[in-house]
Each structure stands twice: as C-alpha cells, then as structure tokens.
Amino acid sequence: MSQSVLDQLLEMGFDKSRAELAVKRSDGLPDAMDWLEKTQDTPMEELLEEEESGTNVAKLEDDTVAMSLVCNECGKKFRSQGEAEFHANKSGHADFAESTEQIAPLTEEEKKQRLEDLRERVKAKRAGQAAVDKEEQKRNEQIKRKATKETQELKEELQRKEQMKEAAKKRQEKQDEIDAKKRIKAKIEADKEERRRKAEEQKAAREGRAVPVPAAAPAPAPVAARPAATHNEARLRLQTSKGNVMKTFPADTTLFEVAQLLQTENEVTVTKFVQNFPRKVFEGNLDLGKTLKEAGLVPSAALIVQ
C-alpha cells in the first residue's frame, strides 16, 4: 500500500524525499496529500528533526489492545500513529495516549470524495503558482524591453551626434578650401601686377622717359582667419579584452554613454576606464557621469577598458 501511495505522489510531481516522509507520517493517499499541503513551507531539515523526536504517546496498562490514539489536549481521536503525528505537527500538541475506542473507517465513497477534494486543491494551487510565474515572467520581459529601448535610444542619439559632427566637419573643410583658393588667386594677381610694373619700368628706361609712379595698389581684402580650435570632439582609442576600438565622440558625451555603446556594439561590460598618461581612473557614478571634456579626454586619449 505504501509503495502504491508513494508512486501516486511521485506521479503528481511531489518531491521524493517529502513524499516518502508523507507516506510514513500519514495513513493513505488523502492523509499523505493533506500532510504535504500543510507542510509545504516547512524546511525539510525541520521535518526530519520532528521525525527523529517522535510523538509522546501514553501506553495502555495491562494487555489491553489499543484501537486508536487520542490527543489529551484537544480530545481528537486518530486511527493511526501517522495521523497523530500529523496532528501534532499541525497543532503543536504533544500529549497523546492510546485508546480502546475504535474509530469507524472511511467508506470507499468518503475516501474517493476526500481524494478528489485534495487533488482539486493541489490543482488549484499549481494553477495559482503558474499564474504567479507567468506574471513574473511578464514583468521581466517588460524590464528587458525597457532596457533594450533605452539602449537603442542611446545608440540613436550617439549616431545623431556623430552625423552632426561629421556634417560640421565637412562644412569646415569646404570653407577652408574656399579660403585657400582665395589666397592662391590673390597671390596670382599680385604676381601679374608685379610683372606688369617691371615691364613698364623697362620700357620707360629704353625710351628715356621718366619711370611712372605706380598707383597705390588697393589693400587686399582681408581673408577671414580660421577660428581657433574649440575641440568639440574627442577621438578615443579604447583597449578592450576583445581588441582595440577607435571611436570619435562629441565632447559632451559622458563616459557612461561610451560604456553603454561598448556594451551594445562590442558586447564588452565596463566597470571602469583607466588612462595611463597621465594616470587616471574613472569608475563609479560620479566619474562615469562626467563628459569627455570634463574628464580631460579632449581632443584625443587612450583608455584601458576594465
């Protein structure tokens, strides 16, 4: 009988150690399931200690045959030692005695109904746990989606800043080219004027005429001076465990944003940045919240990623 009850409990998904103890501490499948339900939150070590200590049962005198057990604290009667131990575990009662009163056994219909009730309770409990697990999984997925969205937005923001920086660089290069062409054109015109003047002087000398005084040349239009470098970007060489990474960032990019980009694009987890010359270590919320300009990494720097 015990082996059959154990097999049924294992088929229902109960842990083997607890199922074996339930069979030992109960009388039949309904009692075993009831015991498992009541002790589900009790640590296995505590249950084993209770098993070793046992239940204190007062014996009958003479040769009287005990037909049941009775709890002297509440008067409840039990058919078996297992039922009495289950009651002791549930109620905390410890004073039991043997009794000559025979308790009528459950009918087959009562056993069937009790077993069905217990199975329904187990089914409902598992359904409730499944709902809790589903809700927890849903929250985890929401957190994951939020983190992915924030990482994507950060990546897009860095790309936008990179595009703006590249556009500004191209505009500056175009302006520099225009200024250079103007300077070359002005130099060519000055050389042509100098050759013409010398030719006029030589001709006047051959003809015996006075050398004409050249009119004062108009002052050349000033060429706009190139603006002083403002260092609006930082070119970083990042030494990671997967190799070197060369990146150019706007000067107002924070070290935290650089770390997020490395994690997204290069799968590198960053705890701190180390600069050898001069020796600096950037870690923690305070340091990683600094911009590249505030950290002294503009216009270029080499960092070790750890």
Protein backbone atom coordinates (compact mmCIF):
# COMPACT_ATOMS: atom_id res chain seq x y z
CA MET A 1 0.00 0.00 0.00
CA SER A 2 2.75 2.44 0.99
CA GLN A 3 4.63 1.86 -2.25
CA SER A 4 1.43 2.46 -4.26
CA VAL A 5 0.79 5.73 -2.38
CA LEU A 6 4.40 6.82 -2.95
CA ASP A 7 4.13 6.12 -6.68
CA GLN A 8 0.95 8.18 -6.92
CA LEU A 9 2.54 11.09 -5.07
CA LEU A 10 5.60 11.00 -7.35
CA GLU A 11 3.33 10.94 -10.43
CA MET A 12 1.62 14.08 -9.09
CA GLY A 13 5.00 15.82 -9.07
CA PHE A 14 5.86 15.85 -5.35
CA ASP A 15 9.49 15.76 -4.25
CA LYS A 16 10.61 12.18 -3.49
CA SER A 17 12.06 12.92 -0.04
CA ARG A 18 8.92 14.73 1.12
CA ALA A 19 6.67 12.09 -0.48
CA GLU A 20 8.46 9.28 1.38
CA LEU A 21 8.12 11.17 4.67
CA ALA A 22 4.44 11.87 3.92
CA VAL A 23 3.77 8.16 3.42
CA LYS A 24 5.48 7.42 6.72
CA ARG A 25 3.63 10.18 8.62
CA SER A 26 0.12 9.50 7.25
CA ASP A 27 -2.45 6.79 6.66
CA GLY A 28 -3.29 6.50 2.97
CA LEU A 29 -3.12 8.83 -0.02
CA PRO A 30 -5.57 11.52 1.22
CA ASP A 31 -3.70 11.89 4.52
CA ALA A 32 -0.36 11.98 2.69
CA MET A 33 -1.55 14.72 0.33
CA ASP A 34 -3.05 16.65 3.23
CA TRP A 35 0.25 16.40 5.13
CA LEU A 36 2.23 17.55 2.10
CA GLU A 37 -0.05 20.53 1.65
CA LYS A 38 0.18 21.58 5.29
CA THR A 39 3.98 21.22 5.45
CA GLN A 40 4.89 22.61 2.04
CA ASP A 41 6.55 25.70 3.54
CA THR A 42 8.33 23.81 6.34
CA PRO A 43 12.05 23.17 5.65
CA MET A 44 12.95 19.51 5.12
CA GLU A 45 15.55 19.68 7.92
CA GLU A 46 12.87 20.71 10.42
CA LEU A 47 10.57 17.88 9.32
CA LEU A 48 13.38 15.34 9.74
CA GLU A 49 14.12 16.64 13.25
CA GLU A 50 10.45 16.22 14.16
CA GLU A 51 10.54 12.70 12.74
CA GLU A 52 13.52 11.81 14.93
CA SER A 53 11.96 13.26 18.10
CA GLY A 54 8.66 11.38 17.52
CA THR A 55 5.34 11.90 19.35
CA ASN A 56 4.87 11.27 23.06
CA VAL A 57 2.10 8.59 23.39
CA ALA A 58 0.99 7.20 26.75
CA LYS A 59 0.58 3.36 26.64
CA LEU A 60 -2.44 1.46 27.99
CA GLU A 61 -1.97 -0.60 31.13
CA ASP A 62 -2.02 -4.40 31.21
CA ASP A 63 -2.60 -6.21 27.91
CA THR A 64 -5.44 -4.01 26.64
CA VAL A 65 -5.34 -3.63 22.84
CA ALA A 66 -5.25 -0.03 21.63
CA MET A 67 -7.78 0.65 18.85
CA SER A 68 -6.96 4.35 18.38
CA LEU A 69 -4.97 7.30 19.69
CA VAL A 70 -6.37 10.35 21.47
CA CYS A 71 -4.94 13.85 21.94
CA ASN A 72 -5.23 14.70 25.63
CA GLU A 73 -5.03 18.43 24.84
CA CYS A 74 -7.99 18.69 22.46
CA GLY A 75 -9.69 15.26 22.69
CA LYS A 76 -9.42 14.46 18.98
CA LYS A 77 -9.06 10.75 18.12
CA PHE A 78 -6.92 9.18 15.39
CA ARG A 79 -6.82 5.79 13.71
CA SER A 80 -3.02 5.54 13.39
CA GLN A 81 0.30 6.81 14.68
CA GLY A 82 0.79 8.68 11.40
CA GLU A 83 -2.44 10.63 11.83
CA ALA A 84 -1.50 11.53 15.39
CA GLU A 85 1.94 12.74 14.30
CA PHE A 86 0.36 14.81 11.56
CA HIS A 87 -1.99 16.41 14.10
CA ALA A 88 0.95 17.08 16.43
CA ASN A 89 2.87 18.76 13.63
CA LYS A 90 -0.11 20.90 12.62
CA SER A 91 -1.40 21.87 16.08
CA GLY A 92 1.72 21.76 18.23
CA HIS A 93 0.05 19.35 20.65
CA ALA A 94 2.39 16.82 22.25
CA ASP A 95 0.29 14.88 24.82
CA PHE A 96 -1.24 11.72 23.29
CA ALA A 97 -2.49 8.42 24.70
CA GLU A 98 -3.69 5.06 23.41
CA SER A 99 -7.44 4.43 23.46
CA THR A 100 -9.64 1.32 23.31
CA GLU A 101 -12.28 3.17 21.27
CA GLN A 102 -12.44 2.02 17.67
CA ILE A 103 -12.96 4.68 15.01
CA ALA A 104 -15.12 3.64 12.09
CA PRO A 105 -13.06 3.60 8.89
CA LEU A 106 -13.92 5.85 5.98
CA THR A 107 -16.23 4.37 3.38
CA GLU A 108 -14.99 3.96 -0.16
CA GLU A 109 -17.20 6.83 -1.24
CA GLU A 110 -15.78 9.06 1.51
CA LYS A 111 -12.23 8.13 0.59
CA LYS A 112 -12.94 8.82 -3.08
CA GLN A 113 -14.51 12.21 -2.30
CA ARG A 114 -11.70 13.21 0.04
CA LEU A 115 -9.07 12.21 -2.52
CA GLU A 116 -10.88 14.20 -5.22
CA ASP A 117 -11.03 17.27 -2.95
CA LEU A 118 -7.32 17.05 -2.22
CA ARG A 119 -6.47 16.68 -5.91
CA GLU A 120 -8.59 19.73 -6.71
CA ARG A 121 -6.74 21.73 -4.02
CA VAL A 122 -3.38 20.67 -5.44
CA LYS A 123 -4.55 21.52 -8.96
CA ALA A 124 -5.80 24.96 -7.84
CA LYS A 125 -2.58 25.67 -6.00
CA ARG A 126 -0.46 24.76 -9.02
CA ALA A 127 -2.66 26.90 -11.24
CA GLY A 128 -2.17 29.82 -8.85
CA GLN A 129 1.61 29.30 -8.86
CA ALA A 130 1.57 29.13 -12.66
CA ALA A 131 -0.26 32.47 -12.76
CA VAL A 132 2.32 34.00 -10.40
CA ASP A 133 5.17 32.64 -12.55
CA LYS A 134 3.51 33.99 -15.69
CA GLU A 135 3.11 37.45 -14.16
CA GLU A 136 6.75 37.41 -13.00
CA GLN A 137 7.88 36.43 -16.49
CA LYS A 138 5.76 39.25 -17.93
CA ARG A 139 7.40 41.79 -15.60
CA ASN A 140 10.86 40.51 -16.52
CA GLU A 141 10.06 40.84 -20.22
CA GLN A 142 8.81 44.41 -19.67
CA ILE A 143 12.03 45.31 -17.86
CA LYS A 144 14.07 43.73 -20.65
CA ARG A 145 12.13 45.58 -23.37
CA LYS A 146 12.54 48.87 -21.50
CA ALA A 147 16.30 48.34 -21.15
CA THR A 148 16.56 47.43 -24.86
CA LYS A 149 14.57 50.52 -25.82
CA GLU A 150 16.74 52.80 -23.68
CA THR A 151 19.90 51.26 -25.15
CA GLN A 152 18.54 51.73 -28.69
CA GLU A 153 17.61 55.34 -27.97
CA LEU A 154 21.10 55.99 -26.60
CA LYS A 155 22.65 54.41 -29.68
CA GLU A 156 20.46 56.53 -31.98
CA GLU A 157 21.37 59.69 -30.03
CA LEU A 158 25.09 58.93 -30.38
CA GLN A 159 24.61 58.28 -34.10
CA ARG A 160 22.75 61.58 -34.46
CA LYS A 161 25.57 63.45 -32.69
CA GLU A 162 28.11 61.65 -34.88
CA GLN A 163 26.22 62.72 -38.02
CA MET A 164 26.02 66.35 -36.81
CA LYS A 165 29.75 66.33 -36.05
CA GLU A 166 30.54 64.86 -39.47
CA ALA A 167 28.37 67.48 -41.20
CA ALA A 168 30.10 70.31 -39.29
CA LYS A 169 33.49 68.85 -40.21
CA LYS A 170 32.58 68.78 -43.90
CA ARG A 171 31.31 72.38 -43.79
CA GLN A 172 34.59 73.49 -42.19
CA GLU A 173 36.63 71.61 -44.78
CA LYS A 174 34.64 73.25 -47.57
CA GLN A 175 35.17 76.72 -46.08
CA ASP A 176 38.90 76.04 -45.68
CA GLU A 177 39.09 75.06 -49.35
CA ILE A 178 37.31 78.27 -50.41
CA ASP A 179 39.67 80.40 -48.28
CA ALA A 180 42.71 78.61 -49.74
CA LYS A 181 41.51 79.26 -53.31
CA LYS A 182 41.03 82.95 -52.49
CA ARG A 183 44.58 83.21 -51.13
CA ILE A 184 46.02 81.50 -54.23
CA LYS A 185 44.03 83.78 -56.56
CA ALA A 186 45.18 86.87 -54.68
CA LYS A 187 48.82 85.72 -54.95
CA ILE A 188 48.50 85.13 -58.70
CA GLU A 189 47.03 88.61 -59.20
CA ALA A 190 49.84 90.18 -57.16
CA ASP A 191 52.49 88.37 -59.25
CA LYS A 192 50.86 89.52 -62.50
CA GLU A 193 50.80 93.14 -61.29
CA GLU A 194 54.47 92.94 -60.28
CA ARG A 195 55.48 91.65 -63.76
CA ARG A 196 53.45 94.38 -65.49
CA ARG A 197 55.08 97.07 -63.35
CA LYS A 198 58.59 95.84 -64.13
CA ALA A 199 57.80 95.72 -67.85
CA GLU A 200 56.59 99.35 -67.74
CA GLU A 201 59.78 100.47 -65.98
CA GLN A 202 61.98 98.71 -68.54
CA LYS A 203 60.05 100.26 -71.48
CA ALA A 204 60.26 103.76 -69.96
CA ALA A 205 64.01 103.37 -69.46
CA ARG A 206 64.56 102.40 -73.12
CA GLU A 207 62.52 105.39 -74.33
CA GLY A 208 64.22 107.82 -71.94
CA ARG A 209 61.02 108.61 -70.18
CA ALA A 210 60.52 109.04 -66.50
CA VAL A 211 59.55 105.89 -64.76
CA PRO A 212 55.84 106.12 -63.99
CA VAL A 213 54.97 106.01 -60.36
CA PRO A 214 52.57 103.12 -59.89
CA ALA A 215 49.31 103.92 -58.29
CA ALA A 216 48.95 102.66 -54.80
CA ALA A 217 47.53 99.18 -55.03
CA PRO A 218 44.33 98.72 -53.15
CA ALA A 219 44.81 96.85 -49.97
CA PRO A 220 43.78 93.22 -50.45
CA ALA A 221 40.61 92.23 -48.78
CA PRO A 222 41.43 90.54 -45.50
CA VAL A 223 40.92 86.82 -45.52
CA ALA A 224 38.85 85.63 -42.66
CA ALA A 225 41.08 84.00 -40.11
CA ARG A 226 40.37 80.41 -39.27
CA PRO A 227 38.51 80.13 -35.99
CA ALA A 228 40.51 78.81 -33.09
CA ALA A 229 40.03 75.13 -32.46
CA THR A 230 37.29 74.60 -29.94
CA HIS A 231 37.80 70.84 -29.60
CA ASN A 232 34.17 69.87 -29.83
CA GLU A 233 35.00 66.21 -30.23
CA ALA A 234 37.22 63.55 -28.70
CA ARG A 235 38.93 60.74 -30.56
CA LEU A 236 39.35 57.75 -28.22
CA ARG A 237 41.39 54.58 -28.55
CA LEU A 238 39.65 52.06 -26.30
CA GLN A 239 41.68 48.99 -25.36
CA THR A 240 39.20 46.18 -24.57
CA SER A 241 39.54 42.46 -23.88
CA LYS A 242 38.36 41.88 -27.48
CA GLY A 243 40.82 44.28 -29.11
CA ASN A 244 41.24 48.00 -29.72
CA VAL A 245 38.27 50.17 -30.70
CA MET A 246 38.72 53.59 -32.32
CA LYS A 247 35.78 55.95 -31.84
CA THR A 248 35.14 59.68 -32.18
CA PHE A 249 32.55 61.20 -29.83
CA PRO A 250 31.16 64.71 -29.22
CA ALA A 251 32.98 66.38 -26.33
CA ASP A 252 29.79 66.47 -24.27
CA THR A 253 29.37 62.68 -24.40
CA THR A 254 29.54 61.12 -20.91
CA LEU A 255 31.75 58.17 -20.02
CA PHE A 256 28.58 56.29 -19.11
CA GLU A 257 27.34 56.71 -22.70
CA VAL A 258 30.69 55.43 -24.00
CA ALA A 259 30.35 52.38 -21.72
CA GLN A 260 26.79 51.74 -22.94
CA LEU A 261 27.92 51.93 -26.58
CA LEU A 262 30.73 49.42 -25.96
CA GLN A 263 28.28 47.04 -24.33
CA THR A 264 25.78 47.38 -27.17
CA GLU A 265 28.11 47.26 -30.17
CA ASN A 266 31.08 45.24 -28.85
CA GLU A 267 29.47 43.17 -26.05
CA VAL A 268 32.03 44.49 -23.57
CA THR A 269 30.97 45.02 -19.94
CA VAL A 270 32.61 48.15 -18.47
CA THR A 271 33.26 48.74 -14.77
CA LYS A 272 35.92 51.42 -15.14
CA PHE A 273 38.23 53.27 -17.56
CA VAL A 274 41.96 53.66 -16.90
CA GLN A 275 44.24 56.29 -18.51
CA ASN A 276 47.98 55.66 -18.17
CA PHE A 277 49.40 59.06 -19.20
CA PRO A 278 48.55 60.96 -17.09
CA ARG A 279 47.41 58.24 -14.69
CA LYS A 280 43.67 58.50 -14.09
CA VAL A 281 40.96 56.01 -13.11
CA PHE A 282 37.32 56.66 -13.92
CA GLU A 283 34.81 54.48 -12.06
CA GLY A 284 31.59 54.86 -10.11
CA ASN A 285 28.57 57.03 -10.86
CA LEU A 286 30.43 60.28 -10.18
CA ASP A 287 33.28 59.65 -12.64
CA LEU A 288 31.17 57.95 -15.32
CA GLY A 289 28.74 60.87 -15.23
CA LYS A 290 31.50 63.26 -16.43
CA THR A 291 31.64 64.38 -20.04
CA LEU A 292 34.75 63.62 -22.09
CA LYS A 293 35.64 67.31 -21.90
CA GLU A 294 35.26 67.41 -18.11
CA ALA A 295 37.39 64.27 -17.82
CA GLY A 296 40.21 65.90 -19.81
CA LEU A 297 39.94 63.44 -22.71
CA VAL A 298 39.56 66.06 -25.44
CA PRO A 299 40.77 66.19 -28.24
CA SER A 300 42.13 62.61 -28.00
CA ALA A 301 43.02 59.99 -25.42
CA ALA A 302 43.79 56.30 -24.95
CA LEU A 303 41.81 54.37 -22.34
CA ILE A 304 42.02 50.83 -20.98
CA VAL A 305 38.56 49.30 -20.53
CA GLN A 306 38.14 47.09 -17.46
